[in-house]
Amino acid sequence: PTTIGALLSAIGIAGMDRLIRFNVLAMSGRAVEAAGDVDTLLL
């Protein structure tokens, strides 16, 4: 699986970068990934 192997790191870095371009600074990639699995949102 060279295709996903080649792009895997770029996908993770780009995820954090999209947040930065949305004016949000993520302290870790774990936080970005956890946001995608959120079940409960407190506002």
PDB file of all heavy atoms in Angstrom:
ATOM      1  N   PRO A   1       0.821  -1.229   0.000  1.00  0.00           N
ATOM      2  CA  PRO A   1       0.000   0.000   0.000  1.00  0.00           C
ATOM      3  C   PRO A   1       0.846   1.267   0.000  1.00  0.00           C
ATOM      4  O   PRO A   1       0.885   2.034   0.974  1.00  0.00           O
ATOM      5  CB  PRO A   1      -0.808  -0.128   1.300  1.00  0.00           C
ATOM      6  CG  PRO A   1       0.040  -0.966   2.198  1.00  0.00           C
ATOM      7  CD  PRO A   1       0.747  -1.943   1.303  1.00  0.00           C
ATOM      8  N   THR A   2       1.545   1.497  -1.114  1.00  0.00           N
ATOM      9  CA  THR A   2       2.428   2.669  -1.195  1.00  0.00           C
ATOM     10  C   THR A   2       1.638   3.974  -1.249  1.00  0.00           C
ATOM     11  O   THR A   2       2.117   5.015  -0.782  1.00  0.00           O
ATOM     12  CB  THR A   2       3.324   2.580  -2.436  1.00  0.00           C
ATOM     13  OG1 THR A   2       2.509   2.292  -3.584  1.00  0.00           O
ATOM     14  CG2 THR A   2       4.369   1.503  -2.293  1.00  0.00           C
ATOM     15  N   THR A   3       0.435   3.945  -1.808  1.00  0.00           N
ATOM     16  CA  THR A   3      -0.321   5.193  -1.960  1.00  0.00           C
ATOM     17  C   THR A   3      -0.647   5.806  -0.608  1.00  0.00           C
ATOM     18  O   THR A   3      -0.308   6.966  -0.335  1.00  0.00           O
ATOM     19  CB  THR A   3      -1.615   4.946  -2.750  1.00  0.00           C
ATOM     20  OG1 THR A   3      -1.297   4.321  -4.001  1.00  0.00           O
ATOM     21  CG2 THR A   3      -2.331   6.255  -3.017  1.00  0.00           C
ATOM     22  N   ILE A   4      -1.290   5.049   0.269  1.00  0.00           N
ATOM     23  CA  ILE A   4      -1.625   5.591   1.587  1.00  0.00           C
ATOM     24  C   ILE A   4      -0.370   5.720   2.442  1.00  0.00           C
ATOM     25  O   ILE A   4      -0.250   6.635   3.256  1.00  0.00           O
ATOM     26  CB  ILE A   4      -2.690   4.718   2.287  1.00  0.00           C
ATOM     27  CG1 ILE A   4      -3.129   5.358   3.606  1.00  0.00           C
ATOM     28  CG2 ILE A   4      -2.171   3.316   2.534  1.00  0.00           C
ATOM     29  CD1 ILE A   4      -3.764   6.731   3.443  1.00  0.00           C
ATOM     30  N   GLY A   5       0.601   4.824   2.245  1.00  0.00           N
ATOM     31  CA  GLY A   5       1.858   4.941   2.982  1.00  0.00           C
ATOM     32  C   GLY A   5       2.567   6.243   2.668  1.00  0.00           C
ATOM     33  O   GLY A   5       3.184   6.862   3.545  1.00  0.00           O
ATOM     34  N   ALA A   6       2.489   6.680   1.404  1.00  0.00           N
ATOM     35  CA  ALA A   6       3.146   7.915   0.993  1.00  0.00           C
ATOM     36  C   ALA A   6       2.420   9.157   1.506  1.00  0.00           C
ATOM     37  O   ALA A   6       3.041  10.186   1.770  1.00  0.00           O
ATOM     38  CB  ALA A   6       3.241   7.965  -0.528  1.00  0.00           C
ATOM     39  N   LEU A   7       1.100   9.065   1.650  1.00  0.00           N
ATOM     40  CA  LEU A   7       0.299  10.247   1.970  1.00  0.00           C
ATOM     41  C   LEU A   7      -0.110  10.337   3.436  1.00  0.00           C
ATOM     42  O   LEU A   7      -0.647  11.358   3.862  1.00  0.00           O
ATOM     43  CB  LEU A   7      -0.967  10.263   1.103  1.00  0.00           C
ATOM     44  CG  LEU A   7      -0.736  10.331  -0.410  1.00  0.00           C
ATOM     45  CD1 LEU A   7      -2.060  10.165  -1.143  1.00  0.00           C
ATOM     46  CD2 LEU A   7      -0.082  11.645  -0.806  1.00  0.00           C
ATOM     47  N   LEU A   8       0.125   9.290   4.219  1.00  0.00           N
ATOM     48  CA  LEU A   8      -0.389   9.236   5.584  1.00  0.00           C
ATOM     49  C   LEU A   8       0.101  10.396   6.434  1.00  0.00           C
ATOM     50  O   LEU A   8      -0.677  11.056   7.134  1.00  0.00           O
ATOM     51  CB  LEU A   8      -0.006   7.902   6.232  1.00  0.00           C
ATOM     52  CG  LEU A   8      -0.553   7.646   7.630  1.00  0.00           C
ATOM     53  CD1 LEU A   8      -2.070   7.688   7.627  1.00  0.00           C
ATOM     54  CD2 LEU A   8      -0.061   6.300   8.154  1.00  0.00           C
ATOM     55  N   SER A   9       1.393  10.657   6.405  1.00  0.00           N
ATOM     56  CA  SER A   9       1.942  11.737   7.224  1.00  0.00           C
ATOM     57  C   SER A   9       1.408  13.090   6.778  1.00  0.00           C
ATOM     58  O   SER A   9       1.070  13.941   7.603  1.00  0.00           O
ATOM     59  CB  SER A   9       3.472  11.723   7.154  1.00  0.00           C
ATOM     60  OG  SER A   9       4.023  12.770   7.915  1.00  0.00           O
ATOM     61  N   ALA A  10       1.317  13.286   5.445  1.00  0.00           N
ATOM     62  CA  ALA A  10       0.832  14.562   4.923  1.00  0.00           C
ATOM     63  C   ALA A  10      -0.606  14.816   5.347  1.00  0.00           C
ATOM     64  O   ALA A  10      -0.993  15.953   5.637  1.00  0.00           O
ATOM     65  CB  ALA A  10       0.936  14.581   3.398  1.00  0.00           C
ATOM     66  N   ILE A  11      -1.434  13.765   5.405  1.00  0.00           N
ATOM     67  CA  ILE A  11      -2.837  13.919   5.807  1.00  0.00           C
ATOM     68  C   ILE A  11      -2.916  14.443   7.232  1.00  0.00           C
ATOM     69  O   ILE A  11      -3.690  15.352   7.543  1.00  0.00           O
ATOM     70  CB  ILE A  11      -3.584  12.576   5.671  1.00  0.00           C
ATOM     71  CG1 ILE A  11      -3.700  12.176   4.206  1.00  0.00           C
ATOM     72  CG2 ILE A  11      -4.966  12.667   6.302  1.00  0.00           C
ATOM     73  CD1 ILE A  11      -4.211  10.759   4.008  1.00  0.00           C
ATOM     74  N   GLY A  12      -2.105  13.868   8.141  1.00  0.00           N
ATOM     75  CA  GLY A  12      -2.130  14.297   9.537  1.00  0.00           C
ATOM     76  C   GLY A  12      -1.646  15.721   9.717  1.00  0.00           C
ATOM     77  O   GLY A  12      -2.250  16.513  10.455  1.00  0.00           O
ATOM     78  N   ILE A  13      -0.546  16.072   9.049  1.00  0.00           N
ATOM     79  CA  ILE A  13      -0.012  17.429   9.162  1.00  0.00           C
ATOM     80  C   ILE A  13      -0.996  18.438   8.585  1.00  0.00           C
ATOM     81  O   ILE A  13      -1.234  19.504   9.153  1.00  0.00           O
ATOM     82  CB  ILE A  13       1.349  17.525   8.451  1.00  0.00           C
ATOM     83  CG1 ILE A  13       2.380  16.654   9.173  1.00  0.00           C
ATOM     84  CG2 ILE A  13       1.834  18.972   8.388  1.00  0.00           C
ATOM     85  CD1 ILE A  13       3.700  16.558   8.455  1.00  0.00           C
ATOM     86  N   ALA A  14      -1.607  18.086   7.443  1.00  0.00           N
ATOM     87  CA  ALA A  14      -2.560  18.997   6.806  1.00  0.00           C
ATOM     88  C   ALA A  14      -3.785  19.214   7.672  1.00  0.00           C
ATOM     89  O   ALA A  14      -4.398  20.287   7.636  1.00  0.00           O
ATOM     90  CB  ALA A  14      -2.973  18.448   5.438  1.00  0.00           C
ATOM     91  N   GLY A  15      -4.169  18.204   8.464  1.00  0.00           N
ATOM     92  CA  GLY A  15      -5.312  18.371   9.359  1.00  0.00           C
ATOM     93  C   GLY A  15      -5.068  19.474  10.371  1.00  0.00           C
ATOM     94  O   GLY A  15      -5.927  20.327  10.616  1.00  0.00           O
ATOM     95  N   MET A  16      -3.876  19.488  10.972  1.00  0.00           N
ATOM     96  CA  MET A  16      -3.527  20.557  11.913  1.00  0.00           C
ATOM     97  C   MET A  16      -3.426  21.894  11.192  1.00  0.00           C
ATOM     98  O   MET A  16      -3.829  22.930  11.710  1.00  0.00           O
ATOM     99  CB  MET A  16      -2.212  20.227  12.605  1.00  0.00           C
ATOM    100  CG  MET A  16      -2.283  19.041  13.554  1.00  0.00           C
ATOM    101  SD  MET A  16      -0.727  18.770  14.443  1.00  0.00           S
ATOM    102  CE  MET A  16      -0.655  20.251  15.445  1.00  0.00           C
ATOM    103  N   ASP A  17      -2.906  21.850   9.962  1.00  0.00           N
ATOM    104  CA  ASP A  17      -2.734  23.080   9.200  1.00  0.00           C
ATOM    105  C   ASP A  17      -4.089  23.698   8.848  1.00  0.00           C
ATOM    106  O   ASP A  17      -4.241  24.915   8.843  1.00  0.00           O
ATOM    107  CB  ASP A  17      -1.937  22.788   7.926  1.00  0.00           C
ATOM    108  CG  ASP A  17      -1.606  24.055   7.163  1.00  0.00           C
ATOM    109  OD1 ASP A  17      -0.837  24.864   7.700  1.00  0.00           O
ATOM    110  OD2 ASP A  17      -2.122  24.238   6.042  1.00  0.00           O
ATOM    111  N   ARG A  18      -5.094  22.848   8.557  1.00  0.00           N
ATOM    112  CA  ARG A  18      -6.422  23.379   8.262  1.00  0.00           C
ATOM    113  C   ARG A  18      -6.986  24.121   9.469  1.00  0.00           C
ATOM    114  O   ARG A  18      -7.671  25.136   9.326  1.00  0.00           O
ATOM    115  CB  ARG A  18      -7.370  22.257   7.827  1.00  0.00           C
ATOM    116  CG  ARG A  18      -7.279  21.907   6.356  1.00  0.00           C
ATOM    117  CD  ARG A  18      -8.449  21.050   5.927  1.00  0.00           C
ATOM    118  NE  ARG A  18      -8.435  19.740   6.550  1.00  0.00           N
ATOM    119  CZ  ARG A  18      -7.725  18.706   6.111  1.00  0.00           C
ATOM    120  NH1 ARG A  18      -6.946  18.844   5.055  1.00  0.00           N
ATOM    121  NH2 ARG A  18      -7.782  17.541   6.721  1.00  0.00           N
ATOM    122  N   LEU A  19      -6.719  23.613  10.657  1.00  0.00           N
ATOM    123  CA  LEU A  19      -7.169  24.312  11.862  1.00  0.00           C
ATOM    124  C   LEU A  19      -6.456  25.656  12.000  1.00  0.00           C
ATOM    125  O   LEU A  19      -7.066  26.662  12.349  1.00  0.00           O
ATOM    126  CB  LEU A  19      -6.893  23.456  13.099  1.00  0.00           C
ATOM    127  CG  LEU A  19      -7.967  22.448  13.500  1.00  0.00           C
ATOM    128  CD1 LEU A  19      -7.538  21.719  14.765  1.00  0.00           C
ATOM    129  CD2 LEU A  19      -9.304  23.125  13.727  1.00  0.00           C
ATOM    130  N   ILE A  20      -5.149  25.672  11.730  1.00  0.00           N
ATOM    131  CA  ILE A  20      -4.389  26.913  11.822  1.00  0.00           C
ATOM    132  C   ILE A  20      -4.956  27.944  10.854  1.00  0.00           C
ATOM    133  O   ILE A  20      -5.116  29.119  11.179  1.00  0.00           O
ATOM    134  CB  ILE A  20      -2.895  26.662  11.533  1.00  0.00           C
ATOM    135  CG1 ILE A  20      -2.279  25.847  12.670  1.00  0.00           C
ATOM    136  CG2 ILE A  20      -2.139  27.980  11.364  1.00  0.00           C
ATOM    137  CD1 ILE A  20      -0.872  25.387  12.409  1.00  0.00           C
ATOM    138  N   ARG A  21      -5.293  27.495   9.642  1.00  0.00           N
ATOM    139  CA  ARG A  21      -5.857  28.410   8.649  1.00  0.00           C
ATOM    140  C   ARG A  21      -7.271  28.823   9.011  1.00  0.00           C
ATOM    141  O   ARG A  21      -7.829  29.740   8.414  1.00  0.00           O
ATOM    142  CB  ARG A  21      -5.811  27.763   7.268  1.00  0.00           C
ATOM    143  CG  ARG A  21      -4.391  27.632   6.749  1.00  0.00           C
ATOM    144  CD  ARG A  21      -4.280  26.711   5.538  1.00  0.00           C
ATOM    145  NE  ARG A  21      -2.888  26.599   5.173  1.00  0.00           N
ATOM    146  CZ  ARG A  21      -2.254  27.417   4.340  1.00  0.00           C
ATOM    147  NH1 ARG A  21      -2.914  28.399   3.780  1.00  0.00           N
ATOM    148  NH2 ARG A  21      -0.994  27.260   4.068  1.00  0.00           N
ATOM    149  N   PHE A  22      -7.861  28.120   9.965  1.00  0.00           N
ATOM    150  CA  PHE A  22      -9.166  28.487  10.497  1.00  0.00           C
ATOM    151  C   PHE A  22      -8.999  29.272  11.784  1.00  0.00           C
ATOM    152  O   PHE A  22      -9.942  29.459  12.549  1.00  0.00           O
ATOM    153  CB  PHE A  22      -9.988  27.223  10.750  1.00  0.00           C
ATOM    154  CG  PHE A  22     -11.458  27.419  10.625  1.00  0.00           C
ATOM    155  CD1 PHE A  22     -12.040  27.651   9.397  1.00  0.00           C
ATOM    156  CD2 PHE A  22     -12.271  27.385  11.741  1.00  0.00           C
ATOM    157  CE1 PHE A  22     -13.397  27.839   9.276  1.00  0.00           C
ATOM    158  CE2 PHE A  22     -13.637  27.571  11.641  1.00  0.00           C
ATOM    159  CZ  PHE A  22     -14.199  27.795  10.402  1.00  0.00           C
ATOM    160  N   ASN A  23      -7.768  29.736  12.027  1.00  0.00           N
ATOM    161  CA  ASN A  23      -7.424  30.549  13.197  1.00  0.00           C
ATOM    162  C   ASN A  23      -7.528  29.786  14.520  1.00  0.00           C
ATOM    163  O   ASN A  23      -7.832  30.367  15.557  1.00  0.00           O
ATOM    164  CB  ASN A  23      -8.279  31.815  13.263  1.00  0.00           C
ATOM    165  CG  ASN A  23      -8.069  32.719  12.075  1.00  0.00           C
ATOM    166  OD1 ASN A  23      -7.144  32.512  11.297  1.00  0.00           O
ATOM    167  ND2 ASN A  23      -8.924  33.695  11.910  1.00  0.00           N
ATOM    168  N   VAL A  24      -7.281  28.477  14.460  1.00  0.00           N
ATOM    169  CA  VAL A  24      -7.258  27.664  15.669  1.00  0.00           C
ATOM    170  C   VAL A  24      -5.909  26.956  15.732  1.00  0.00           C
ATOM    171  O   VAL A  24      -5.497  26.320  14.757  1.00  0.00           O
ATOM    172  CB  VAL A  24      -8.389  26.616  15.682  1.00  0.00           C
ATOM    173  CG1 VAL A  24      -8.297  25.742  16.926  1.00  0.00           C
ATOM    174  CG2 VAL A  24      -9.743  27.313  15.642  1.00  0.00           C
ATOM    175  N   LEU A  25      -5.219  27.072  16.863  1.00  0.00           N
ATOM    176  CA  LEU A  25      -3.936  26.414  17.035  1.00  0.00           C
ATOM    177  C   LEU A  25      -4.134  25.158  17.874  1.00  0.00           C
ATOM    178  O   LEU A  25      -4.615  25.230  19.006  1.00  0.00           O
ATOM    179  CB  LEU A  25      -2.936  27.344  17.724  1.00  0.00           C
ATOM    180  CG  LEU A  25      -2.609  28.642  16.974  1.00  0.00           C
ATOM    181  CD1 LEU A  25      -1.635  29.478  17.771  1.00  0.00           C
ATOM    182  CD2 LEU A  25      -2.056  28.353  15.596  1.00  0.00           C
ATOM    183  N   ALA A  26      -3.788  24.008  17.302  1.00  0.00           N
ATOM    184  CA  ALA A  26      -3.918  22.743  18.018  1.00  0.00           C
ATOM    185  C   ALA A  26      -2.584  22.398  18.661  1.00  0.00           C
ATOM    186  O   ALA A  26      -1.535  22.462  18.023  1.00  0.00           O
ATOM    187  CB  ALA A  26      -4.338  21.635  17.053  1.00  0.00           C
ATOM    188  N   MET A  27      -2.626  22.029  19.930  1.00  0.00           N
ATOM    189  CA  MET A  27      -1.398  21.687  20.642  1.00  0.00           C
ATOM    190  C   MET A  27      -0.854  20.328  20.215  1.00  0.00           C
ATOM    191  O   MET A  27       0.312  20.041  20.418  1.00  0.00           O
ATOM    192  CB  MET A  27      -1.655  21.671  22.154  1.00  0.00           C
ATOM    193  CG  MET A  27      -2.292  22.938  22.693  1.00  0.00           C
ATOM    194  SD  MET A  27      -1.274  24.388  22.390  1.00  0.00           S
ATOM    195  CE  MET A  27      -2.221  25.645  23.247  1.00  0.00           C
ATOM    196  N   SER A  28      -1.707  19.488  19.630  1.00  0.00           N
ATOM    197  CA  SER A  28      -1.260  18.160  19.228  1.00  0.00           C
ATOM    198  C   SER A  28      -2.190  17.620  18.157  1.00  0.00           C
ATOM    199  O   SER A  28      -3.341  18.042  18.036  1.00  0.00           O
ATOM    200  CB  SER A  28      -1.254  17.194  20.427  1.00  0.00           C
ATOM    201  OG  SER A  28      -2.582  16.944  20.862  1.00  0.00           O
ATOM    202  N   GLY A  29      -1.661  16.685  17.360  1.00  0.00           N
ATOM    203  CA  GLY A  29      -2.495  16.015  16.374  1.00  0.00           C
ATOM    204  C   GLY A  29      -3.577  15.187  17.032  1.00  0.00           C
ATOM    205  O   GLY A  29      -4.649  14.974  16.461  1.00  0.00           O
ATOM    206  N   ARG A  30      -3.309  14.709  18.234  1.00  0.00           N
ATOM    207  CA  ARG A  30      -4.292  13.911  18.966  1.00  0.00           C
ATOM    208  C   ARG A  30      -5.583  14.710  19.176  1.00  0.00           C
ATOM    209  O   ARG A  30      -6.684  14.170  19.087  1.00  0.00           O
ATOM    210  CB  ARG A  30      -3.719  13.475  20.315  1.00  0.00           C
ATOM    211  CG  ARG A  30      -4.647  12.585  21.130  1.00  0.00           C
ATOM    212  CD  ARG A  30      -4.062  12.372  22.516  1.00  0.00           C
ATOM    213  NE  ARG A  30      -2.799  11.657  22.456  1.00  0.00           N
ATOM    214  CZ  ARG A  30      -2.675  10.336  22.574  1.00  0.00           C
ATOM    215  NH1 ARG A  30      -3.755   9.590  22.753  1.00  0.00           N
ATOM    216  NH2 ARG A  30      -1.490   9.768  22.521  1.00  0.00           N
ATOM    217  N   ALA A  31      -5.444  16.020  19.457  1.00  0.00           N
ATOM    218  CA  ALA A  31      -6.626  16.849  19.684  1.00  0.00           C
ATOM    219  C   ALA A  31      -7.463  16.975  18.421  1.00  0.00           C
ATOM    220  O   ALA A  31      -8.694  16.928  18.469  1.00  0.00           O
ATOM    221  CB  ALA A  31      -6.200  18.234  20.181  1.00  0.00           C
ATOM    222  N   VAL A  32      -6.800  17.153  17.279  1.00  0.00           N
ATOM    223  CA  VAL A  32      -7.523  17.262  16.011  1.00  0.00           C
ATOM    224  C   VAL A  32      -8.278  15.973  15.726  1.00  0.00           C
ATOM    225  O   VAL A  32      -9.447  15.982  15.323  1.00  0.00           O
ATOM    226  CB  VAL A  32      -6.557  17.579  14.851  1.00  0.00           C
ATOM    227  CG1 VAL A  32      -7.331  17.808  13.561  1.00  0.00           C
ATOM    228  CG2 VAL A  32      -5.700  18.786  15.176  1.00  0.00           C
ATOM    229  N   GLU A  33      -7.601  14.863  15.923  1.00  0.00           N
ATOM    230  CA  GLU A  33      -8.219  13.568  15.658  1.00  0.00           C
ATOM    231  C   GLU A  33      -9.375  13.308  16.611  1.00  0.00           C
ATOM    232  O   GLU A  33     -10.429  12.799  16.212  1.00  0.00           O
ATOM    233  CB  GLU A  33      -7.170  12.466  15.795  1.00  0.00           C
ATOM    234  CG  GLU A  33      -7.629  11.112  15.306  1.00  0.00           C
ATOM    235  CD  GLU A  33      -6.485  10.128  15.307  1.00  0.00           C
ATOM    236  OE1 GLU A  33      -5.742  10.103  14.309  1.00  0.00           O
ATOM    237  OE2 GLU A  33      -6.327   9.404  16.294  1.00  0.00           O
ATOM    238  N   ALA A  34      -9.199  13.675  17.882  1.00  0.00           N
ATOM    239  CA  ALA A  34     -10.266  13.474  18.859  1.00  0.00           C
ATOM    240  C   ALA A  34     -11.492  14.288  18.496  1.00  0.00           C
ATOM    241  O   ALA A  34     -12.633  13.856  18.728  1.00  0.00           O
ATOM    242  CB  ALA A  34      -9.774  13.853  20.259  1.00  0.00           C
ATOM    243  N   ALA A  35     -11.281  15.471  17.908  1.00  0.00           N
ATOM    244  CA  ALA A  35     -12.416  16.307  17.506  1.00  0.00           C
ATOM    245  C   ALA A  35     -13.298  15.581  16.502  1.00  0.00           C
ATOM    246  O   ALA A  35     -14.519  15.763  16.480  1.00  0.00           O
ATOM    247  CB  ALA A  35     -11.920  17.630  16.921  1.00  0.00           C
ATOM    248  N   GLY A  36     -12.689  14.760  15.662  1.00  0.00           N
ATOM    249  CA  GLY A  36     -13.464  14.025  14.669  1.00  0.00           C
ATOM    250  C   GLY A  36     -14.285  12.902  15.254  1.00  0.00           C
ATOM    251  O   GLY A  36     -15.216  12.405  14.608  1.00  0.00           O
ATOM    252  N   ASP A  37     -13.966  12.481  16.478  1.00  0.00           N
ATOM    253  CA  ASP A  37     -14.686  11.375  17.118  1.00  0.00           C
ATOM    254  C   ASP A  37     -15.586  11.838  18.253  1.00  0.00           C
ATOM    255  O   ASP A  37     -16.099  11.026  19.016  1.00  0.00           O
ATOM    256  CB  ASP A  37     -13.676  10.352  17.673  1.00  0.00           C
ATOM    257  CG  ASP A  37     -13.131   9.444  16.584  1.00  0.00           C
ATOM    258  OD1 ASP A  37     -13.854   9.217  15.604  1.00  0.00           O
ATOM    259  OD2 ASP A  37     -11.990   8.976  16.718  1.00  0.00           O
ATOM    260  N   VAL A  38     -15.778  13.159  18.373  1.00  0.00           N
ATOM    261  CA  VAL A  38     -16.549  13.704  19.497  1.00  0.00           C
ATOM    262  C   VAL A  38     -17.991  13.197  19.471  1.00  0.00           C
ATOM    263  O   VAL A  38     -18.633  13.144  18.420  1.00  0.00           O
ATOM    264  CB  VAL A  38     -16.514  15.246  19.452  1.00  0.00           C
ATOM    265  CG1 VAL A  38     -17.645  15.854  20.260  1.00  0.00           C
ATOM    266  CG2 VAL A  38     -15.180  15.748  19.974  1.00  0.00           C
ATOM    267  N   ASP A  39     -18.472  12.813  20.638  1.00  0.00           N
ATOM    268  CA  ASP A  39     -19.861  12.373  20.795  1.00  0.00           C
ATOM    269  C   ASP A  39     -20.721  13.432  21.478  1.00  0.00           C
ATOM    270  O   ASP A  39     -21.923  13.515  21.228  1.00  0.00           O
ATOM    271  CB  ASP A  39     -19.926  11.091  21.639  1.00  0.00           C
ATOM    272  CG  ASP A  39     -19.127   9.962  21.032  1.00  0.00           C
ATOM    273  OD1 ASP A  39     -19.538   9.473  19.973  1.00  0.00           O
ATOM    274  OD2 ASP A  39     -18.096   9.577  21.611  1.00  0.00           O
ATOM    275  N   THR A  40     -20.109  14.210  22.384  1.00  0.00           N
ATOM    276  CA  THR A  40     -20.848  15.190  23.170  1.00  0.00           C
ATOM    277  C   THR A  40     -20.164  16.542  23.069  1.00  0.00           C
ATOM    278  O   THR A  40     -18.942  16.644  23.202  1.00  0.00           O
ATOM    279  CB  THR A  40     -20.915  14.768  24.656  1.00  0.00           C
ATOM    280  OG1 THR A  40     -21.502  13.463  24.744  1.00  0.00           O
ATOM    281  CG2 THR A  40     -21.757  15.743  25.455  1.00  0.00           C
ATOM    282  N   LEU A  41     -20.961  17.574  22.841  1.00  0.00           N
ATOM    283  CA  LEU A  41     -20.441  18.921  22.669  1.00  0.00           C
ATOM    284  C   LEU A  41     -21.067  19.823  23.731  1.00  0.00           C
ATOM    285  O   LEU A  41     -22.288  19.960  23.808  1.00  0.00           O
ATOM    286  CB  LEU A  41     -20.791  19.432  21.268  1.00  0.00           C
ATOM    287  CG  LEU A  41     -20.095  20.667  20.739  1.00  0.00           C
ATOM    288  CD1 LEU A  41     -18.592  20.477  20.719  1.00  0.00           C
ATOM    289  CD2 LEU A  41     -20.608  20.994  19.342  1.00  0.00           C
ATOM    290  N   LEU A  42     -20.222  20.431  24.583  1.00  0.00           N
ATOM    291  CA  LEU A  42     -20.695  21.337  25.618  1.00  0.00           C
ATOM    292  C   LEU A  42     -20.482  22.775  25.157  1.00  0.00           C
ATOM    293  O   LEU A  42     -19.380  23.136  24.745  1.00  0.00           O
ATOM    294  CB  LEU A  42     -19.945  21.112  26.931  1.00  0.00           C
ATOM    295  CG  LEU A  42     -19.902  19.679  27.481  1.00  0.00           C
ATOM    296  CD1 LEU A  42     -19.206  19.663  28.826  1.00  0.00           C
ATOM    297  CD2 LEU A  42     -21.305  19.109  27.602  1.00  0.00           C
ATOM    298  N   LEU A  43     -21.529  23.591  25.222  1.00  0.00           N
ATOM    299  CA  LEU A  43     -21.437  24.973  24.769  1.00  0.00           C
ATOM    300  C   LEU A  43     -22.033  25.905  25.807  1.00  0.00           C
ATOM    301  O   LEU A  43     -23.088  25.626  26.386  1.00  0.00           O
ATOM    302  CB  LEU A  43     -22.188  25.170  23.443  1.00  0.00           C
ATOM    303  CG  LEU A  43     -21.780  24.289  22.265  1.00  0.00           C
ATOM    304  CD1 LEU A  43     -22.832  23.226  22.043  1.00  0.00           C
ATOM    305  CD2 LEU A  43     -21.597  25.109  21.007  1.00  0.00           C
TER     306      LEU A  43
END
